[in-house]
PDB file of N, CA and C in Angstrom:
ATOM      1  N   UNK A   1     200.334  47.541 124.991  1.00  0.00           N
ATOM      2  CA  UNK A   1     200.474  48.977 125.065  1.00  0.00           C
ATOM      3  C   UNK A   1     200.581  49.544 123.650  1.00  0.00           C
ATOM      4  N   UNK A   2     200.051  50.761 123.476  1.00  0.00           N
ATOM      5  CA  UNK A   2     200.057  51.396 122.159  1.00  0.00           C
ATOM      6  C   UNK A   2     201.455  51.897 121.811  1.00  0.00           C
ATOM      7  N   UNK A   3     201.819  51.713 120.572  1.00  0.00           N
ATOM      8  CA  UNK A   3     203.127  52.193 120.128  1.00  0.00           C
ATOM      9  C   UNK A   3     203.057  53.690 119.828  1.00  0.00           C
ATOM     10  N   UNK A   4     204.205  54.285 119.736  1.00  0.00           N
ATOM     11  CA  UNK A   4     204.289  55.721 119.427  1.00  0.00           C
ATOM     12  C   UNK A   4     203.624  56.018 118.078  1.00  0.00           C
ATOM     13  N   UNK A   5     203.779  55.136 117.120  1.00  0.00           N
ATOM     14  CA  UNK A   5     203.172  55.313 115.797  1.00  0.00           C
ATOM     15  C   UNK A   5     201.654  55.269 115.888  1.00  0.00           C
ATOM     16  N   UNK A   6     201.122  54.342 116.685  1.00  0.00           N
ATOM     17  CA  UNK A   6     199.665  54.244 116.843  1.00  0.00           C
ATOM     18  C   UNK A   6     199.110  55.515 117.491  1.00  0.00           C
ATOM     19  N   UNK A   7     199.816  56.038 118.460  1.00  0.00           N
ATOM     20  CA  UNK A   7     199.388  57.275 119.131  1.00  0.00           C
ATOM     21  C   UNK A   7     199.415  58.443 118.161  1.00  0.00           C
ATOM     22  N   UNK A   8     200.481  58.538 117.364  1.00  0.00           N
ATOM     23  CA  UNK A   8     200.588  59.619 116.389  1.00  0.00           C
ATOM     24  C   UNK A   8     199.495  59.515 115.323  1.00  0.00           C
ATOM     25  N   UNK A   9     199.175  58.313 114.898  1.00  0.00           N
ATOM     26  CA  UNK A   9     198.112  58.100 113.911  1.00  0.00           C
ATOM     27  C   UNK A   9     196.748  58.478 114.490  1.00  0.00           C
ATOM     28  N   UNK A  10     196.520  58.103 115.753  1.00  0.00           N
ATOM     29  CA  UNK A  10     195.254  58.449 116.402  1.00  0.00           C
ATOM     30  C   UNK A  10     195.120  59.962 116.536  1.00  0.00           C
ATOM     31  N   UNK A  11     196.207  60.625 116.936  1.00  0.00           N
ATOM     32  CA  UNK A  11     196.169  62.082 117.083  1.00  0.00           C
ATOM     33  C   UNK A  11     195.954  62.749 115.727  1.00  0.00           C
ATOM     34  N   UNK A  12     196.592  62.246 114.709  1.00  0.00           N
ATOM     35  CA  UNK A  12     196.412  62.801 113.362  1.00  0.00           C
ATOM     36  C   UNK A  12     194.958  62.673 112.922  1.00  0.00           C
ATOM     37  N   UNK A  13     194.345  61.532 113.237  1.00  0.00           N
ATOM     38  CA  UNK A  13     192.935  61.333 112.907  1.00  0.00           C
ATOM     39  C   UNK A  13     192.062  62.362 113.630  1.00  0.00           C
ATOM     40  N   UNK A  14     192.317  62.545 114.936  1.00  0.00           N
ATOM     41  CA  UNK A  14     191.518  63.489 115.729  1.00  0.00           C
ATOM     42  C   UNK A  14     191.728  64.940 115.291  1.00  0.00           C
ATOM     43  N   UNK A  15     192.860  65.231 114.693  1.00  0.00           N
ATOM     44  CA  UNK A  15     193.160  66.594 114.241  1.00  0.00           C
ATOM     45  C   UNK A  15     192.585  66.910 112.859  1.00  0.00           C
ATOM     46  N   UNK A  16     191.953  65.933 112.220  1.00  0.00           N
ATOM     47  CA  UNK A  16     191.365  66.186 110.899  1.00  0.00           C
ATOM     48  C   UNK A  16     190.239  67.210 111.027  1.00  0.00           C
ATOM     49  N   UNK A  17     190.290  68.221 110.174  1.00  0.00           N
ATOM     50  CA  UNK A  17     189.291  69.289 110.205  1.00  0.00           C
ATOM     51  C   UNK A  17     188.012  68.850 109.517  1.00  0.00           C
ATOM     52  N   UNK A  18     186.886  69.167 110.140  1.00  0.00           N
ATOM     53  CA  UNK A  18     185.588  68.869 109.540  1.00  0.00           C
ATOM     54  C   UNK A  18     185.370  69.802 108.354  1.00  0.00           C
ATOM     55  N   UNK A  19     184.921  69.287 107.216  1.00  0.00           N
ATOM     56  CA  UNK A  19     184.673  70.164 106.065  1.00  0.00           C
ATOM     57  C   UNK A  19     183.507  71.128 106.311  1.00  0.00           C
ATOM     58  N   UNK A  20     182.578  70.748 107.180  1.00  0.00           N
ATOM     59  CA  UNK A  20     181.414  71.598 107.434  1.00  0.00           C
ATOM     60  C   UNK A  20     181.709  72.689 108.452  1.00  0.00           C
ATOM     61  N   UNK A  21     182.178  72.302 109.640  1.00  0.00           N
ATOM     62  CA  UNK A  21     182.354  73.272 110.728  1.00  0.00           C
ATOM     63  C   UNK A  21     183.759  73.853 110.797  1.00  0.00           C
ATOM     64  N   UNK A  22     184.713  73.259 110.094  1.00  0.00           N
ATOM     65  CA  UNK A  22     186.117  73.667 110.128  1.00  0.00           C
ATOM     66  C   UNK A  22     186.738  73.460 111.508  1.00  0.00           C
ATOM     67  N   UNK A  23     186.125  72.626 112.351  1.00  0.00           N
ATOM     68  CA  UNK A  23     186.640  72.304 113.675  1.00  0.00           C
ATOM     69  C   UNK A  23     187.243  70.908 113.636  1.00  0.00           C
ATOM     70  N   UNK A  24     188.033  70.578 114.671  1.00  0.00           N
ATOM     71  CA  UNK A  24     188.540  69.217 114.766  1.00  0.00           C
ATOM     72  C   UNK A  24     188.202  68.641 116.128  1.00  0.00           C
ATOM     73  N   UNK A  25     188.104  67.327 116.184  1.00  0.00           N
ATOM     74  CA  UNK A  25     187.698  66.625 117.392  1.00  0.00           C
ATOM     75  C   UNK A  25     188.732  66.755 118.501  1.00  0.00           C
ATOM     76  N   UNK A  26     190.000  66.794 118.147  1.00  0.00           N
ATOM     77  CA  UNK A  26     191.064  66.893 119.156  1.00  0.00           C
ATOM     78  C   UNK A  26     190.920  68.161 119.992  1.00  0.00           C
ATOM     79  N   UNK A  27     190.798  69.316 119.339  1.00  0.00           N
ATOM     80  CA  UNK A  27     190.662  70.582 120.067  1.00  0.00           C
ATOM     81  C   UNK A  27     189.376  70.625 120.877  1.00  0.00           C
ATOM     82  N   UNK A  28     188.307  70.089 120.312  1.00  0.00           N
ATOM     83  CA  UNK A  28     187.018  70.063 121.014  1.00  0.00           C
ATOM     84  C   UNK A  28     187.121  69.226 122.293  1.00  0.00           C
ATOM     85  N   UNK A  29     187.693  68.034 122.178  1.00  0.00           N
ATOM     86  CA  UNK A  29     187.835  67.170 123.351  1.00  0.00           C
ATOM     87  C   UNK A  29     188.780  67.777 124.388  1.00  0.00           C
ATOM     88  N   UNK A  30     189.857  68.414 123.934  1.00  0.00           N
ATOM     89  CA  UNK A  30     190.781  69.070 124.865  1.00  0.00           C
ATOM     90  C   UNK A  30     190.070  70.171 125.644  1.00  0.00           C
ATOM     91  N   UNK A  31     189.243  70.937 124.971  1.00  0.00           N
ATOM     92  CA  UNK A  31     188.512  72.016 125.625  1.00  0.00           C
ATOM     93  C   UNK A  31     187.554  71.474 126.676  1.00  0.00           C
ATOM     94  N   UNK A  32     186.818  70.429 126.323  1.00  0.00           N
ATOM     95  CA  UNK A  32     185.865  69.819 127.256  1.00  0.00           C
ATOM     96  C   UNK A  32     186.604  69.204 128.440  1.00  0.00           C
ATOM     97  N   UNK A  33     187.658  68.450 128.180  1.00  0.00           N
ATOM     98  CA  UNK A  33     188.406  67.801 129.263  1.00  0.00           C
ATOM     99  C   UNK A  33     189.079  68.828 130.171  1.00  0.00           C
ATOM    100  N   UNK A  34     189.548  69.914 129.607  1.00  0.00           N
ATOM    101  CA  UNK A  34     190.159  70.969 130.421  1.00  0.00           C
ATOM    102  C   UNK A  34     189.153  71.525 131.426  1.00  0.00           C
ATOM    103  N   UNK A  35     187.939  71.786 130.978  1.00  0.00           N
ATOM    104  CA  UNK A  35     186.908  72.309 131.879  1.00  0.00           C
ATOM    105  C   UNK A  35     186.547  71.298 132.961  1.00  0.00           C
ATOM    106  N   UNK A  36     186.469  70.025 132.606  1.00  0.00           N
ATOM    107  CA  UNK A  36     186.140  68.990 133.584  1.00  0.00           C
ATOM    108  C   UNK A  36     187.244  68.886 134.638  1.00  0.00           C
ATOM    109  N   UNK A  37     188.487  68.866 134.201  1.00  0.00           N
ATOM    110  CA  UNK A  37     189.604  68.753 135.139  1.00  0.00           C
ATOM    111  C   UNK A  37     189.777  70.014 135.976  1.00  0.00           C
ATOM    112  N   UNK A  38     189.445  71.144 135.405  1.00  0.00           N
ATOM    113  CA  UNK A  38     189.545  72.409 136.131  1.00  0.00           C
ATOM    114  C   UNK A  38     188.511  72.471 137.258  1.00  0.00           C
ATOM    115  N   UNK A  39     187.298  72.008 137.016  1.00  0.00           N
ATOM    116  CA  UNK A  39     186.218  72.088 138.004  1.00  0.00           C
ATOM    117  C   UNK A  39     186.210  70.920 138.980  1.00  0.00           C
ATOM    118  N   UNK A  40     186.543  69.721 138.511  1.00  0.00           N
ATOM    119  CA  UNK A  40     186.575  68.500 139.336  1.00  0.00           C
ATOM    120  C   UNK A  40     185.317  68.321 140.187  1.00  0.00           C
ATOM    121  N   UNK A  41     184.167  68.453 139.556  1.00  0.00           N
ATOM    122  CA  UNK A  41     182.905  68.267 140.265  1.00  0.00           C
ATOM    123  C   UNK A  41     182.573  66.782 140.344  1.00  0.00           C
ATOM    124  N   UNK A  42     181.796  66.373 141.363  1.00  0.00           N
ATOM    125  CA  UNK A  42     181.448  64.961 141.501  1.00  0.00           C
ATOM    126  C   UNK A  42     180.578  64.441 140.356  1.00  0.00           C
ATOM    127  N   UNK A  43     179.860  65.308 139.682  1.00  0.00           N
ATOM    128  CA  UNK A  43     178.986  64.877 138.579  1.00  0.00           C
ATOM    129  C   UNK A  43     179.634  65.139 137.219  1.00  0.00           C
ATOM    130  N   UNK A  44     180.933  64.898 137.113  1.00  0.00           N
ATOM    131  CA  UNK A  44     181.665  65.174 135.871  1.00  0.00           C
ATOM    132  C   UNK A  44     181.107  64.420 134.680  1.00  0.00           C
ATOM    133  N   UNK A  45     180.676  63.199 134.896  1.00  0.00           N
ATOM    134  CA  UNK A  45     180.119  62.418 133.784  1.00  0.00           C
ATOM    135  C   UNK A  45     178.843  63.079 133.273  1.00  0.00           C
ATOM    136  N   UNK A  46     178.010  63.543 134.193  1.00  0.00           N
ATOM    137  CA  UNK A  46     176.773  64.218 133.798  1.00  0.00           C
ATOM    138  C   UNK A  46     177.063  65.557 133.131  1.00  0.00           C
ATOM    139  N   UNK A  47     178.141  66.178 133.546  1.00  0.00           N
ATOM    140  CA  UNK A  47     178.503  67.490 133.031  1.00  0.00           C
ATOM    141  C   UNK A  47     179.129  67.422 131.642  1.00  0.00           C
ATOM    142  N   UNK A  48     179.635  66.254 131.264  1.00  0.00           N
ATOM    143  CA  UNK A  48     180.336  66.102 129.987  1.00  0.00           C
ATOM    144  C   UNK A  48     179.493  66.535 128.796  1.00  0.00           C
ATOM    145  N   UNK A  49     178.249  66.112 128.738  1.00  0.00           N
ATOM    146  CA  UNK A  49     177.395  66.466 127.604  1.00  0.00           C
ATOM    147  C   UNK A  49     177.159  67.974 127.535  1.00  0.00           C
ATOM    148  N   UNK A  50     176.863  68.587 128.669  1.00  0.00           N
ATOM    149  CA  UNK A  50     176.615  70.034 128.682  1.00  0.00           C
ATOM    150  C   UNK A  50     177.865  70.809 128.278  1.00  0.00           C
ATOM    151  N   UNK A  51     179.018  70.395 128.757  1.00  0.00           N
ATOM    152  CA  UNK A  51     180.264  71.078 128.400  1.00  0.00           C
ATOM    153  C   UNK A  51     180.598  70.903 126.925  1.00  0.00           C
ATOM    154  N   UNK A  52     180.310  69.739 126.407  1.00  0.00           N
ATOM    155  CA  UNK A  52     180.561  69.493 124.991  1.00  0.00           C
ATOM    156  C   UNK A  52     179.714  70.422 124.126  1.00  0.00           C
ATOM    157  N   UNK A  53     178.438  70.551 124.487  1.00  0.00           N
ATOM    158  CA  UNK A  53     177.555  71.455 123.739  1.00  0.00           C
ATOM    159  C   UNK A  53     178.028  72.901 123.875  1.00  0.00           C
ATOM    160  N   UNK A  54     178.411  73.275 125.093  1.00  0.00           N
ATOM    161  CA  UNK A  54     178.879  74.640 125.338  1.00  0.00           C
ATOM    162  C   UNK A  54     180.136  74.947 124.542  1.00  0.00           C
ATOM    163  N   UNK A  55     181.062  73.998 124.507  1.00  0.00           N
ATOM    164  CA  UNK A  55     182.301  74.195 123.764  1.00  0.00           C
ATOM    165  C   UNK A  55     182.032  74.363 122.274  1.00  0.00           C
ATOM    166  N   UNK A  56     181.093  73.596 121.771  1.00  0.00           N
ATOM    167  CA  UNK A  56     180.784  73.671 120.342  1.00  0.00           C
ATOM    168  C   UNK A  56     180.040  74.963 120.002  1.00  0.00           C
ATOM    169  N   UNK A  57     179.024  75.309 120.779  1.00  0.00           N
ATOM    170  CA  UNK A  57     178.260  76.514 120.475  1.00  0.00           C
ATOM    171  C   UNK A  57     179.082  77.770 120.707  1.00  0.00           C
ATOM    172  N   UNK A  58     180.070  77.690 121.597  1.00  0.00           N
ATOM    173  CA  UNK A  58     180.946  78.839 121.829  1.00  0.00           C
ATOM    174  C   UNK A  58     181.723  79.224 120.588  1.00  0.00           C
ATOM    175  N   UNK A  59     181.983  78.267 119.726  1.00  0.00           N
ATOM    176  CA  UNK A  59     182.704  78.535 118.482  1.00  0.00           C
ATOM    177  C   UNK A  59     181.854  79.367 117.522  1.00  0.00           C
ATOM    178  N   UNK A  60     180.533  79.297 117.669  1.00  0.00           N
ATOM    179  CA  UNK A  60     179.639  79.965 116.745  1.00  0.00           C
ATOM    180  C   UNK A  60     178.992  81.204 117.347  1.00  0.00           C
ATOM    181  N   UNK A  61     179.361  81.559 118.568  1.00  0.00           N
ATOM    182  CA  UNK A  61     178.780  82.738 119.206  1.00  0.00           C
ATOM    183  C   UNK A  61     179.320  83.994 118.545  1.00  0.00           C
ATOM    184  N   UNK A  62     178.455  84.968 118.307  1.00  0.00           N
ATOM    185  CA  UNK A  62     178.937  86.203 117.703  1.00  0.00           C
ATOM    186  C   UNK A  62     179.842  86.948 118.673  1.00  0.00           C
ATOM    187  N   UNK A  63     180.839  87.591 118.152  1.00  0.00           N
ATOM    188  CA  UNK A  63     181.740  88.390 118.964  1.00  0.00           C
ATOM    189  C   UNK A  63     181.162  89.791 119.085  1.00  0.00           C
ATOM    190  N   UNK A  64     181.107  90.312 120.288  1.00  0.00           N
ATOM    191  CA  UNK A  64     180.575  91.652 120.502  1.00  0.00           C
ATOM    192  C   UNK A  64     179.057  91.658 120.499  1.00  0.00           C
ATOM    193  N   UNK A  65     178.504  92.840 120.389  1.00  0.00           N
ATOM    194  CA  UNK A  65     177.058  93.022 120.415  1.00  0.00           C
ATOM    195  C   UNK A  65     176.489  92.786 119.025  1.00  0.00           C
ATOM    196  N   UNK A  66     175.646  91.749 118.847  1.00  0.00           N
ATOM    197  CA  UNK A  66     175.107  91.468 117.516  1.00  0.00           C
ATOM    198  C   UNK A  66     174.148  92.541 117.012  1.00  0.00           C
ATOM    199  N   UNK A  67     173.654  93.402 117.900  1.00  0.00           N
ATOM    200  CA  UNK A  67     172.729  94.444 117.469  1.00  0.00           C
ATOM    201  C   UNK A  67     173.434  95.774 117.241  1.00  0.00           C
ATOM    202  N   UNK A  68     174.741  95.795 117.317  1.00  0.00           N
ATOM    203  CA  UNK A  68     175.479  97.050 117.197  1.00  0.00           C
ATOM    204  C   UNK A  68     175.294  97.713 115.834  1.00  0.00           C
ATOM    205  N   UNK A  69     175.081  96.926 114.795  1.00  0.00           N
ATOM    206  CA  UNK A  69     174.944  97.505 113.460  1.00  0.00           C
ATOM    207  C   UNK A  69     173.493  97.806 113.088  1.00  0.00           C
ATOM    208  N   UNK A  70     172.568  97.627 114.012  1.00  0.00           N
ATOM    209  CA  UNK A  70     171.159  97.898 113.740  1.00  0.00           C
ATOM    210  C   UNK A  70     170.921  99.397 113.849  1.00  0.00           C
ATOM    211  N   UNK A  71     170.294  99.958 112.814  1.00  0.00           N
ATOM    212  CA  UNK A  71     170.041 101.394 112.829  1.00  0.00           C
ATOM    213  C   UNK A  71     168.886 101.721 113.769  1.00  0.00           C
ATOM    214  N   UNK A  72     168.860 102.932 114.308  1.00  0.00           N
ATOM    215  CA  UNK A  72     167.769 103.294 115.218  1.00  0.00           C
ATOM    216  C   UNK A  72     166.417 103.262 114.508  1.00  0.00           C
ATOM    217  N   UNK A  73     165.360 103.148 115.302  1.00  0.00           N
ATOM    218  CA  UNK A  73     164.007 103.078 114.747  1.00  0.00           C
ATOM    219  C   UNK A  73     163.657 104.357 114.005  1.00  0.00           C
ATOM    220  N   UNK A  74     162.824 104.217 112.998  1.00  0.00           N
ATOM    221  CA  UNK A  74     162.345 105.379 112.273  1.00  0.00           C
ATOM    222  C   UNK A  74     161.258 106.063 113.104  1.00  0.00           C
ATOM    223  N   UNK A  75     160.880 107.252 112.700  1.00  0.00           N
ATOM    224  CA  UNK A  75     159.838 108.006 113.402  1.00  0.00           C
ATOM    225  C   UNK A  75     158.520 107.226 113.387  1.00  0.00           C
ATOM    226  N   UNK A  76     158.226 106.576 112.265  1.00  0.00           N
ATOM    227  CA  UNK A  76     156.981 105.820 112.153  1.00  0.00           C
ATOM    228  C   UNK A  76     156.948 104.648 113.132  1.00  0.00           C
ATOM    229  N   UNK A  77     158.068 103.953 113.289  1.00  0.00           N
ATOM    230  CA  UNK A  77     158.128 102.818 114.206  1.00  0.00           C
ATOM    231  C   UNK A  77     157.973 103.307 115.645  1.00  0.00           C
ATOM    232  N   UNK A  78     158.635 104.395 115.991  1.00  0.00           N
ATOM    233  CA  UNK A  78     158.508 104.945 117.341  1.00  0.00           C
ATOM    234  C   UNK A  78     157.068 105.362 117.628  1.00  0.00           C
ATOM    235  N   UNK A  79     156.403 105.994 116.648  1.00  0.00           N
ATOM    236  CA  UNK A  79     155.015 106.397 116.808  1.00  0.00           C
ATOM    237  C   UNK A  79     154.110 105.181 116.987  1.00  0.00           C
ATOM    238  N   UNK A  80     154.338 104.134 116.209  1.00  0.00           N
ATOM    239  CA  UNK A  80     153.546 102.908 116.332  1.00  0.00           C
ATOM    240  C   UNK A  80     153.727 102.284 117.709  1.00  0.00           C
ATOM    241  N   UNK A  81     154.941 102.306 118.244  1.00  0.00           N
ATOM    242  CA  UNK A  81     155.178 101.763 119.579  1.00  0.00           C
ATOM    243  C   UNK A  81     154.423 102.547 120.639  1.00  0.00           C
ATOM    244  N   UNK A  82     154.373 103.864 120.513  1.00  0.00           N
ATOM    245  CA  UNK A  82     153.626 104.700 121.456  1.00  0.00           C
ATOM    246  C   UNK A  82     152.138 104.385 121.352  1.00  0.00           C
ATOM    247  N   UNK A  83     151.636 104.261 120.126  1.00  0.00           N
ATOM    248  CA  UNK A  83     150.217 103.968 119.928  1.00  0.00           C
ATOM    249  C   UNK A  83     149.852 102.585 120.460  1.00  0.00           C
ATOM    250  N   UNK A  84     150.743 101.615 120.335  1.00  0.00           N
ATOM    251  CA  UNK A  84     150.479 100.274 120.874  1.00  0.00           C
ATOM    252  C   UNK A  84     150.351 100.314 122.387  1.00  0.00           C
ATOM    253  N   UNK A  85     151.129 101.149 123.040  1.00  0.00           N
ATOM    254  CA  UNK A  85     151.040 101.271 124.491  1.00  0.00           C
ATOM    255  C   UNK A  85     149.774 102.015 124.906  1.00  0.00           C
ATOM    256  N   UNK A  86     149.324 102.946 124.065  1.00  0.00           N
ATOM    257  CA  UNK A  86     148.135 103.736 124.375  1.00  0.00           C
ATOM    258  C   UNK A  86     146.873 102.897 124.286  1.00  0.00           C
ATOM    259  N   UNK A  87     146.807 102.027 123.286  1.00  0.00           N
ATOM    260  CA  UNK A  87     145.620 101.206 123.077  1.00  0.00           C
ATOM    261  C   UNK A  87     145.963  99.744 123.369  1.00  0.00           C
ATOM    262  N   UNK A  88     145.526  99.229 124.523  1.00  0.00           N
ATOM    263  CA  UNK A  88     145.801  97.822 124.843  1.00  0.00           C
ATOM    264  C   UNK A  88     145.186  96.889 123.806  1.00  0.00           C
ATOM    265  N   UNK A  89     145.705  95.684 123.714  1.00  0.00           N
ATOM    266  CA  UNK A  89     145.247  94.712 122.708  1.00  0.00           C
ATOM    267  C   UNK A  89     143.756  94.418 122.818  1.00  0.00           C
ATOM    268  N   UNK A  90     143.232  94.291 124.019  1.00  0.00           N
ATOM    269  CA  UNK A  90     141.805  93.970 124.158  1.00  0.00           C
ATOM    270  C   UNK A  90     140.946  95.083 123.582  1.00  0.00           C
ATOM    271  N   UNK A  91     141.340  96.331 123.773  1.00  0.00           N
ATOM    272  CA  UNK A  91     140.573  97.458 123.243  1.00  0.00           C
ATOM    273  C   UNK A  91     140.672  97.495 121.719  1.00  0.00           C
ATOM    274  N   UNK A  92     141.838  97.201 121.174  1.00  0.00           N
ATOM    275  CA  UNK A  92     142.011  97.192 119.715  1.00  0.00           C
ATOM    276  C   UNK A  92     141.143  96.099 119.109  1.00  0.00           C
ATOM    277  N   UNK A  93     141.059  94.953 119.743  1.00  0.00           N
ATOM    278  CA  UNK A  93     140.235  93.844 119.214  1.00  0.00           C
ATOM    279  C   UNK A  93     138.770  94.226 119.219  1.00  0.00           C
ATOM    280  N   UNK A  94     138.302  94.854 120.309  1.00  0.00           N
ATOM    281  CA  UNK A  94     136.898  95.248 120.385  1.00  0.00           C
ATOM    282  C   UNK A  94     136.571  96.244 119.276  1.00  0.00           C
ATOM    283  N   UNK A  95     137.465  97.235 119.083  1.00  0.00           N
ATOM    284  CA  UNK A  95     137.196  98.237 118.053  1.00  0.00           C
ATOM    285  C   UNK A  95     137.223  97.620 116.664  1.00  0.00           C
ATOM    286  N   UNK A  96     138.123  96.683 116.417  1.00  0.00           N
ATOM    287  CA  UNK A  96     138.216  96.031 115.103  1.00  0.00           C
ATOM    288  C   UNK A  96     136.979  95.199 114.828  1.00  0.00           C
ATOM    289  N   UNK A  97     136.432  94.570 115.855  1.00  0.00           N
ATOM    290  CA  UNK A  97     135.245  93.750 115.687  1.00  0.00           C
ATOM    291  C   UNK A  97     133.977  94.546 115.526  1.00  0.00           C
ATOM    292  N   UNK A  98     133.952  95.819 115.983  1.00  0.00           N
ATOM    293  CA  UNK A  98     132.728  96.612 115.912  1.00  0.00           C
ATOM    294  C   UNK A  98     132.590  97.355 114.594  1.00  0.00           C
ATOM    295  N   UNK A  99     133.602  97.234 113.728  1.00  0.00           N
ATOM    296  CA  UNK A  99     133.508  97.876 112.420  1.00  0.00           C
ATOM    297  C   UNK A  99     133.907  99.340 112.456  1.00  0.00           C
ATOM    298  N   UNK A 100     134.500  99.826 113.510  1.00  0.00           N
ATOM    299  CA  UNK A 100     134.933 101.226 113.583  1.00  0.00           C
ATOM    300  C   UNK A 100     136.347 101.405 113.166  1.00  0.00           C
TER     301      UNK A 100
END
């Protein structure tokens, strides 16, 4: 059986922060295991990989609407969008090829 010191050393190792992502394996594994135990689905082993990816990518998801700081389109962009709808791509290609 593992001694208290061995357990503490293992936990300390798992709590080491990654220099790249600033995450640690202990918190990541706790998050994944919590979801597995919460759902208790028969395919938990198959679900482990998907939950692990979800837990990791969730750390990097933007908070709020990522397009909130995008300024509205200019008049020229709006006009171009209207013109694109007016002239379908096939018609634009034919006109471009005819030299007009």
